[in-house]
Amino acid sequence: MPVPKSEKELVRQWVENWKVVDQEMDCLKTQELQALTEEEAARQFNGMDLPPELIWTPEERLASSGLAEQQRIFSKAHGHPSRFHGGT
């Protein structure tokens, strides 16, 4: 006849089981993130519906709308020298 385990032993076993599960979940999470495409990541992020103050923004984006940078990139892509950026 099996001897019933004490409550302390059951709690110890429960904690040990969760330590193993935690390691396995971390491994699974890492694998899923590595397999994620940029499109899927963007779709999931957009689906989170976060308020803007909770979304990290680089310092340079806080000081600029990015329009000047966009214009520089488009100008460079089309081979037109930009008078605002010294033709680069």
Protein backbone atom coordinates (compact mmCIF):
# COMPACT_ATOMS: atom_id res chain seq x y z
CA MET A 1 0.00 0.00 0.00
CA PRO A 2 1.50 3.41 -1.03
CA VAL A 3 2.35 5.83 1.73
CA PRO A 4 0.57 9.21 1.31
CA LYS A 5 2.95 12.09 0.75
CA SER A 6 3.04 14.95 3.20
CA GLU A 7 1.84 18.38 2.12
CA LYS A 8 5.39 19.69 2.33
CA GLU A 9 6.61 16.94 -0.01
CA LEU A 10 3.78 17.65 -2.48
CA VAL A 11 4.64 21.36 -2.52
CA ARG A 12 8.34 20.56 -3.05
CA GLN A 13 7.47 18.27 -5.95
CA TRP A 14 5.13 20.90 -7.44
CA VAL A 15 7.91 23.53 -7.30
CA GLU A 16 10.42 21.16 -8.91
CA ASN A 17 7.96 20.36 -11.70
CA TRP A 18 7.44 24.06 -12.41
CA LYS A 19 11.20 24.65 -12.57
CA VAL A 20 11.39 22.09 -15.36
CA VAL A 21 8.32 23.46 -17.13
CA ASP A 22 9.71 27.01 -16.89
CA GLN A 23 12.93 25.97 -18.64
CA GLU A 24 11.00 24.17 -21.35
CA MET A 25 8.69 27.16 -21.87
CA ASP A 26 11.69 29.51 -22.22
CA CYS A 27 13.17 27.20 -24.85
CA LEU A 28 9.86 27.02 -26.73
CA LYS A 29 9.41 30.81 -26.57
CA THR A 30 12.91 31.32 -27.99
CA GLN A 31 12.23 28.90 -30.84
CA GLU A 32 8.94 30.59 -31.69
CA LEU A 33 10.51 34.06 -31.69
CA GLN A 34 13.37 32.91 -33.93
CA ALA A 35 10.89 31.42 -36.42
CA LEU A 36 8.72 34.56 -36.50
CA THR A 37 8.70 36.50 -39.77
CA GLU A 38 8.72 40.30 -39.78
CA GLU A 39 5.22 40.33 -41.24
CA GLU A 40 3.86 38.03 -38.53
CA ALA A 41 5.65 40.03 -35.80
CA ALA A 42 4.12 43.26 -37.13
CA ARG A 43 0.66 41.66 -37.30
CA GLN A 44 0.92 40.41 -33.72
CA PHE A 45 2.27 43.74 -32.47
CA ASN A 46 -0.48 45.69 -34.20
CA GLY A 47 -3.05 43.35 -32.67
CA MET A 48 -1.91 44.20 -29.15
CA ASP A 49 -3.76 47.54 -29.21
CA LEU A 50 -1.28 49.23 -26.86
CA PRO A 51 -1.65 52.87 -25.87
CA PRO A 52 1.08 55.00 -27.52
CA GLU A 53 2.76 55.87 -24.22
CA LEU A 54 3.61 52.18 -23.68
CA ILE A 55 5.36 51.79 -27.05
CA TRP A 56 9.12 52.41 -27.01
CA THR A 57 10.27 55.10 -29.42
CA PRO A 58 13.93 55.90 -30.20
CA GLU A 59 15.12 59.33 -29.08
CA GLU A 60 15.69 60.51 -32.66
CA ARG A 61 12.05 59.74 -33.51
CA LEU A 62 10.85 61.87 -30.60
CA ALA A 63 12.52 64.95 -32.12
CA SER A 64 11.48 64.37 -35.75
CA SER A 65 8.55 63.08 -37.77
CA GLY A 66 11.00 61.25 -40.04
CA LEU A 67 9.85 63.18 -43.11
CA ALA A 68 13.30 64.66 -43.84
CA GLU A 69 14.89 61.21 -43.56
CA GLN A 70 12.22 59.73 -45.85
CA GLN A 71 12.84 62.44 -48.43
CA ARG A 72 16.61 61.83 -48.27
CA ILE A 73 16.11 58.09 -48.82
CA PHE A 74 13.71 58.61 -51.74
CA SER A 75 16.01 61.17 -53.32
CA LYS A 76 18.98 58.81 -53.03
CA ALA A 77 16.97 55.87 -54.39
CA HIS A 78 16.00 57.84 -57.49
CA GLY A 79 19.54 59.10 -58.12
CA HIS A 80 18.67 62.75 -57.59
CA PRO A 81 21.17 64.84 -55.65
CA SER A 82 19.60 66.45 -52.66
CA ARG A 83 20.39 70.10 -52.10
CA PHE A 84 19.59 69.65 -48.40
CA HIS A 85 22.10 66.86 -47.74
CA GLY A 86 25.04 67.83 -49.88
CA GLY A 87 24.10 65.53 -52.76
CA THR A 88 24.56 62.30 -50.85
